[in-house]
Protein backbone atom coordinates (compact mmCIF):
# COMPACT_ATOMS: atom_id res chain seq x y z
CA MET A 1 -49.72 -14.56 -16.62
CA PRO A 2 -52.82 -12.14 -15.70
CA SER A 3 -52.44 -8.53 -14.16
CA ARG A 4 -53.81 -7.92 -10.74
CA ARG A 5 -56.59 -5.77 -12.17
CA GLN A 6 -57.59 -8.97 -14.47
CA PHE A 7 -57.25 -11.21 -10.99
CA LEU A 8 -59.48 -8.90 -8.82
CA LEU A 9 -61.67 -8.94 -12.23
CA GLY A 10 -61.93 -12.34 -11.90
CA TYR A 11 -62.10 -12.94 -8.23
CA LEU A 12 -65.31 -10.58 -8.15
CA GLY A 13 -66.58 -12.79 -11.51
CA VAL A 14 -66.29 -16.20 -9.89
CA GLY A 15 -68.38 -14.54 -7.00
CA ALA A 16 -70.73 -13.17 -9.03
CA LEU A 17 -71.64 -17.52 -10.72
CA ALA A 18 -72.65 -18.20 -7.66
CA THR A 19 -75.90 -15.73 -7.81
CA PRO A 20 -78.89 -15.23 -10.60
CA VAL A 21 -77.21 -12.49 -11.68
CA GLY A 22 -73.73 -14.91 -12.60
CA TRP A 23 -76.31 -17.29 -14.52
CA TYR A 24 -77.41 -14.33 -16.52
CA GLY A 25 -73.64 -13.58 -17.43
CA ALA A 26 -72.53 -17.09 -17.70
CA VAL A 27 -75.46 -18.37 -20.18
CA TYR A 28 -77.70 -16.09 -21.51
CA GLU A 29 -76.36 -12.38 -22.16
CA PRO A 30 -72.93 -13.86 -23.94
CA GLY A 31 -75.57 -15.67 -26.53
CA ASP A 32 -77.97 -13.00 -27.29
CA ILE A 33 -76.19 -10.86 -30.25
CA GLU A 34 -77.51 -7.22 -30.63
CA VAL A 35 -77.41 -5.81 -33.78
CA VAL A 36 -76.58 -2.31 -33.84
CA ARG A 37 -77.68 -0.20 -36.71
CA ARG A 38 -75.45 3.02 -37.80
CA THR A 39 -75.48 5.31 -40.54
CA ALA A 40 -72.08 6.62 -41.82
CA THR A 41 -71.97 10.11 -43.64
CA ILE A 42 -68.91 9.60 -45.94
CA ARG A 43 -67.30 12.90 -47.76
CA ASN A 44 -67.67 12.50 -51.54
CA LEU A 45 -68.85 9.43 -51.74
CA PRO A 46 -69.82 8.50 -55.27
CA THR A 47 -73.58 8.39 -56.28
CA ARG A 48 -73.18 4.51 -57.28
CA LEU A 49 -71.79 3.57 -53.39
CA ASP A 50 -74.79 5.81 -51.57
CA GLY A 51 -76.30 3.03 -49.53
CA LEU A 52 -73.95 0.63 -49.46
CA THR A 53 -73.71 -1.85 -46.44
CA ALA A 54 -71.21 -3.04 -44.43
CA VAL A 55 -71.06 -5.12 -41.34
CA GLN A 56 -68.54 -4.91 -38.52
CA VAL A 57 -67.83 -7.90 -35.95
CA SER A 58 -64.84 -8.38 -33.49
CA ASP A 59 -63.39 -10.48 -31.30
CA PHE A 60 -64.14 -13.67 -31.63
CA HIS A 61 -61.75 -15.46 -28.88
CA LEU A 62 -62.06 -18.47 -30.95
CA HIS A 63 -60.92 -21.95 -29.16
CA GLY A 64 -63.61 -23.86 -30.87
CA ILE A 65 -66.71 -22.71 -32.35
CA ASP A 66 -69.70 -22.80 -30.24
CA HIS A 67 -73.41 -21.32 -30.34
CA VAL A 68 -72.98 -17.78 -30.72
CA HIS A 69 -70.53 -18.02 -33.63
CA ARG A 70 -72.67 -19.68 -35.32
CA GLU A 71 -75.68 -17.44 -34.40
CA MET A 72 -73.04 -14.74 -35.73
CA VAL A 73 -72.54 -16.05 -39.16
CA ASP A 74 -76.56 -17.03 -39.49
CA GLN A 75 -77.48 -13.43 -38.37
CA VAL A 76 -74.59 -11.42 -40.30
CA LYS A 77 -75.86 -13.79 -43.95
CA ALA A 78 -79.39 -12.39 -43.21
CA LEU A 79 -78.26 -8.81 -43.19
CA LYS A 80 -76.89 -9.26 -46.43
CA PRO A 81 -74.26 -6.95 -46.21
CA ASP A 82 -71.79 -5.18 -49.09
CA VAL A 83 -68.67 -5.80 -47.08
CA ILE A 84 -67.18 -7.21 -44.11
CA PHE A 85 -64.83 -5.74 -41.82
CA VAL A 86 -63.16 -8.12 -39.00
CA THR A 87 -61.54 -6.07 -35.69
CA GLY A 88 -59.14 -8.43 -34.37
CA ASP A 89 -58.92 -10.90 -32.06
CA LEU A 90 -59.88 -13.99 -34.06
CA VAL A 91 -58.26 -16.91 -32.27
CA ASP A 92 -57.15 -17.29 -28.64
CA HIS A 93 -55.29 -20.54 -29.67
CA GLU A 94 -53.78 -21.48 -32.85
CA SER A 95 -55.22 -24.58 -33.26
CA ALA A 96 -58.33 -22.30 -33.69
CA VAL A 97 -57.31 -20.99 -37.19
CA GLY A 98 -59.34 -23.32 -38.65
CA ASP A 99 -62.30 -22.69 -37.06
CA ALA A 100 -61.93 -19.09 -37.93
CA LEU A 101 -61.54 -20.18 -41.76
CA GLU A 102 -64.76 -21.92 -41.05
CA LEU A 103 -66.73 -19.09 -39.85
CA LEU A 104 -65.65 -16.24 -42.17
CA GLN A 105 -65.49 -18.25 -45.81
CA SER A 106 -69.44 -18.71 -45.43
CA LEU A 107 -70.11 -15.13 -45.83
CA LYS A 108 -69.03 -14.48 -49.36
CA PRO A 109 -70.26 -10.53 -49.32
CA PRO A 110 -69.80 -9.16 -52.38
CA ARG A 111 -66.87 -6.64 -51.76
CA GLY A 112 -65.31 -8.86 -49.92
CA THR A 113 -63.73 -9.37 -46.10
CA TRP A 114 -61.11 -7.69 -44.72
CA VAL A 115 -59.28 -8.25 -41.27
CA VAL A 116 -56.84 -6.93 -39.23
CA PRO A 117 -54.75 -8.74 -36.23
CA GLY A 118 -55.67 -8.18 -32.47
CA ASN A 119 -53.32 -8.94 -29.37
CA TRP A 120 -54.42 -12.58 -28.75
CA ASP A 121 -54.06 -13.30 -32.46
CA HIS A 122 -50.17 -11.95 -31.71
CA SER A 123 -49.73 -13.81 -28.56
CA SER A 124 -51.22 -17.10 -29.96
CA ASN A 125 -48.76 -16.83 -32.55
CA SER A 126 -51.47 -17.35 -35.15
CA VAL A 127 -51.22 -13.98 -37.12
CA GLU A 128 -49.21 -15.64 -39.88
CA LEU A 129 -51.18 -18.74 -40.12
CA LEU A 130 -54.46 -16.91 -40.10
CA SER A 131 -53.28 -15.00 -43.21
CA ILE A 132 -52.47 -17.62 -45.11
CA ALA A 133 -55.54 -19.59 -44.48
CA LEU A 134 -57.93 -16.70 -44.99
CA LYS A 135 -55.69 -15.43 -48.20
CA SER A 136 -56.78 -19.03 -49.72
CA ALA A 137 -60.58 -18.43 -49.20
CA GLY A 138 -60.06 -15.01 -50.85
CA ILE A 139 -60.41 -13.13 -47.64
CA ARG A 140 -57.81 -10.31 -46.99
CA MET A 141 -55.63 -9.60 -43.88
CA LEU A 142 -54.29 -6.17 -43.52
CA ILE A 143 -51.06 -5.36 -41.54
CA ASN A 144 -49.93 -1.84 -41.86
CA GLU A 145 -51.17 -1.48 -45.21
CA GLY A 146 -53.84 -0.27 -47.59
CA ALA A 147 -56.24 -1.89 -49.93
CA GLN A 148 -58.70 -0.56 -52.59
CA LEU A 149 -62.18 -1.47 -52.23
CA ASP A 150 -63.79 0.68 -55.29
CA ASP A 151 -62.18 3.73 -57.25
CA ARG A 152 -60.79 6.25 -54.49
CA PHE A 153 -62.55 3.97 -51.74
CA TRP A 154 -59.75 2.46 -49.60
CA VAL A 155 -59.63 0.29 -46.76
CA VAL A 156 -56.71 0.77 -44.17
CA GLY A 157 -55.65 -1.89 -41.99
CA ALA A 158 -53.32 -1.03 -38.87
CA ASP A 159 -51.66 -3.88 -36.84
CA ASP A 160 -52.40 -4.29 -33.42
CA PRO A 161 -52.17 -1.07 -31.59
CA THR A 162 -52.70 -2.73 -28.00
CA SER A 163 -49.04 -4.39 -29.17
CA GLU A 164 -47.72 -1.02 -30.22
CA LEU A 165 -47.08 -2.23 -33.77
CA ASP A 166 -49.27 -0.31 -35.78
CA GLU A 167 -47.94 2.05 -38.28
CA VAL A 168 -50.69 4.32 -39.82
CA SER A 169 -48.32 6.24 -42.03
CA ARG A 170 -46.85 3.13 -43.68
CA ALA A 171 -50.62 1.86 -44.23
CA THR A 172 -51.33 4.69 -46.00
CA ARG A 173 -48.73 5.59 -47.85
CA ASP A 174 -50.21 3.93 -51.08
CA VAL A 175 -53.35 5.68 -50.64
CA PRO A 176 -54.10 8.44 -53.11
CA THR A 177 -54.60 11.90 -51.44
CA GLY A 178 -58.59 13.00 -51.47
CA SER A 179 -59.52 9.19 -50.98
CA ILE A 180 -62.22 8.02 -48.69
CA ARG A 181 -60.48 6.30 -46.21
CA ILE A 182 -61.88 3.24 -43.72
CA LEU A 183 -59.51 2.70 -40.94
CA LEU A 184 -59.56 -0.87 -39.49
CA ALA A 185 -57.72 -1.59 -35.87
CA HIS A 186 -58.02 -3.73 -33.02
CA SER A 187 -58.09 -1.42 -30.65
CA PRO A 188 -58.92 2.19 -29.62
CA ASP A 189 -55.55 2.56 -28.65
CA ILE A 190 -55.09 3.48 -32.33
CA ALA A 191 -56.07 7.28 -31.14
CA PRO A 192 -52.31 8.44 -30.58
CA SER A 193 -51.53 7.09 -33.94
CA VAL A 194 -54.33 9.13 -35.81
CA ARG A 195 -53.39 12.77 -34.55
CA ASP A 196 -52.42 13.70 -37.41
CA SER A 197 -54.59 11.85 -39.77
CA ARG A 198 -58.24 12.03 -40.81
CA PHE A 199 -60.08 8.67 -41.71
CA ASP A 200 -63.95 8.70 -42.78
CA LEU A 201 -64.34 6.17 -40.42
CA ILE A 202 -62.66 4.30 -37.66
CA LEU A 203 -63.75 0.86 -36.35
CA VAL A 204 -62.09 -0.42 -33.60
CA GLY A 205 -63.30 -3.28 -30.90
CA HIS A 206 -61.10 -5.17 -28.03
CA THR A 207 -62.98 -3.51 -24.94
CA HIS A 208 -65.94 -5.78 -25.02
CA GLY A 209 -67.50 -2.63 -24.07
CA GLY A 210 -66.32 -3.40 -20.91
CA GLN A 211 -67.93 -7.31 -20.71
CA ILE A 212 -68.75 -7.18 -16.88
CA ASN A 213 -70.31 -4.04 -15.89
CA LEU A 214 -71.32 -4.69 -12.29
CA PRO A 215 -73.23 -1.60 -10.53
CA GLY A 216 -70.30 0.56 -9.52
CA LEU A 217 -67.63 -1.34 -11.68
CA SER A 218 -67.12 -1.31 -15.26
CA GLY A 219 -65.07 -4.15 -16.82
CA THR A 220 -62.92 -1.50 -18.50
CA TRP A 221 -60.84 -0.48 -15.69
CA VAL A 222 -58.91 -3.43 -16.53
CA LYS A 223 -57.59 -1.80 -19.35
CA GLU A 224 -54.81 1.39 -20.32
CA GLY A 225 -54.98 4.56 -21.92
CA ALA A 226 -57.72 4.86 -24.94
CA SER A 227 -59.22 1.73 -24.60
CA ARG A 228 -60.60 2.76 -20.95
CA GLU A 229 -61.48 6.40 -22.41
CA TYR A 230 -63.08 5.00 -25.77
CA VAL A 231 -65.78 1.66 -24.71
CA ARG A 232 -68.42 1.05 -26.54
CA GLY A 233 -70.34 3.08 -29.57
CA LEU A 234 -69.13 6.19 -31.68
CA TYR A 235 -67.05 8.59 -30.61
CA GLU A 236 -64.86 11.52 -31.97
CA VAL A 237 -61.16 11.34 -32.23
CA HIS A 238 -58.90 13.77 -33.62
CA GLY A 239 -61.52 15.10 -36.18
CA SER A 240 -62.42 11.40 -36.89
CA PRO A 241 -65.50 9.00 -36.15
CA LEU A 242 -64.22 6.12 -34.02
CA TYR A 243 -66.48 3.26 -33.45
CA VAL A 244 -65.72 0.53 -30.70
CA ASN A 245 -67.60 -2.67 -31.21
CA ARG A 246 -68.37 -4.64 -28.29
CA GLY A 247 -67.40 -8.04 -30.04
CA ILE A 248 -68.91 -11.59 -30.11
CA GLY A 249 -66.56 -13.34 -27.87
CA THR A 250 -65.26 -13.36 -24.06
CA THR A 251 -61.98 -13.12 -22.43
CA THR A 252 -60.19 -14.05 -19.20
CA LEU A 253 -63.74 -15.37 -18.07
CA PRO A 254 -67.09 -16.92 -20.25
CA LEU A 255 -69.32 -13.82 -18.93
CA ARG A 256 -71.01 -10.80 -20.28
CA ILE A 257 -73.03 -8.47 -18.26
CA GLY A 258 -74.42 -5.00 -19.33
CA SER A 259 -72.54 -5.55 -22.69
CA ARG A 260 -74.02 -7.70 -24.98
CA PRO A 261 -72.46 -9.33 -28.12
CA GLU A 262 -72.37 -6.99 -31.23
CA ILE A 263 -72.65 -7.14 -34.80
CA THR A 264 -72.78 -3.35 -36.23
CA HIS A 265 -74.65 -2.63 -39.60
CA PHE A 266 -73.46 0.19 -41.12
CA THR A 267 -75.17 2.29 -44.06
CA PHE A 268 -73.04 4.68 -46.08
CA HIS A 269 -74.18 7.89 -47.60
CA ALA A 270 -73.06 11.00 -49.08
CA ALA A 271 -72.42 13.91 -47.02
């Protein structure tokens, strides 16, 4: 059931649909993907990895593949990243697991695709199905665990912090001291869990950048805690850089106003 805040935002959104702004938010902006390019400075990055490229995508909210998802695939392929990170909420329904597999298995970056689950993946009871389906295509879902991308370069995946399922200490327990560590989590709600840890980069989604941002009203008011504080773009959290991707799909309402869908392209360089 939607919360009171979500109900009120929905009420406002339905009203906006009858306006030109509503047409823009329902038809144009949800399909207008922005590629955001960022440079990430990584301590102790080996010379051979200087210039490594990564793409982050998030929040597909699949209940079927539509034009924005196909456009995402085309744009990611054109970027030719070395590695792809997917930060949760792949599906809204269990029936869309095959759609998620179809999208991701077509990408084939040389250093793999790494995925963490989000709150919708859990609420739709799809996490295990996703993990099995993606594994069949050589795609790894990390659930409170780490995996080695390269020598002393680790990808750490936390389970959904929105659902309080994240266990960062468990996820990092096999990571050697002094290694490069990229943390993937679904939402900025991971922030309290990294208070005593340091990561070279933390990648999250979940907020949709507010999704519906009207004058005097940001959609993030329906969120709680850190997801209301860290909305879009780059922040520093307890000494670690945290990047919040605006996601590809929509939730609650099929609208985007002032928050285009996003593909983030990172280039890693040595500090």
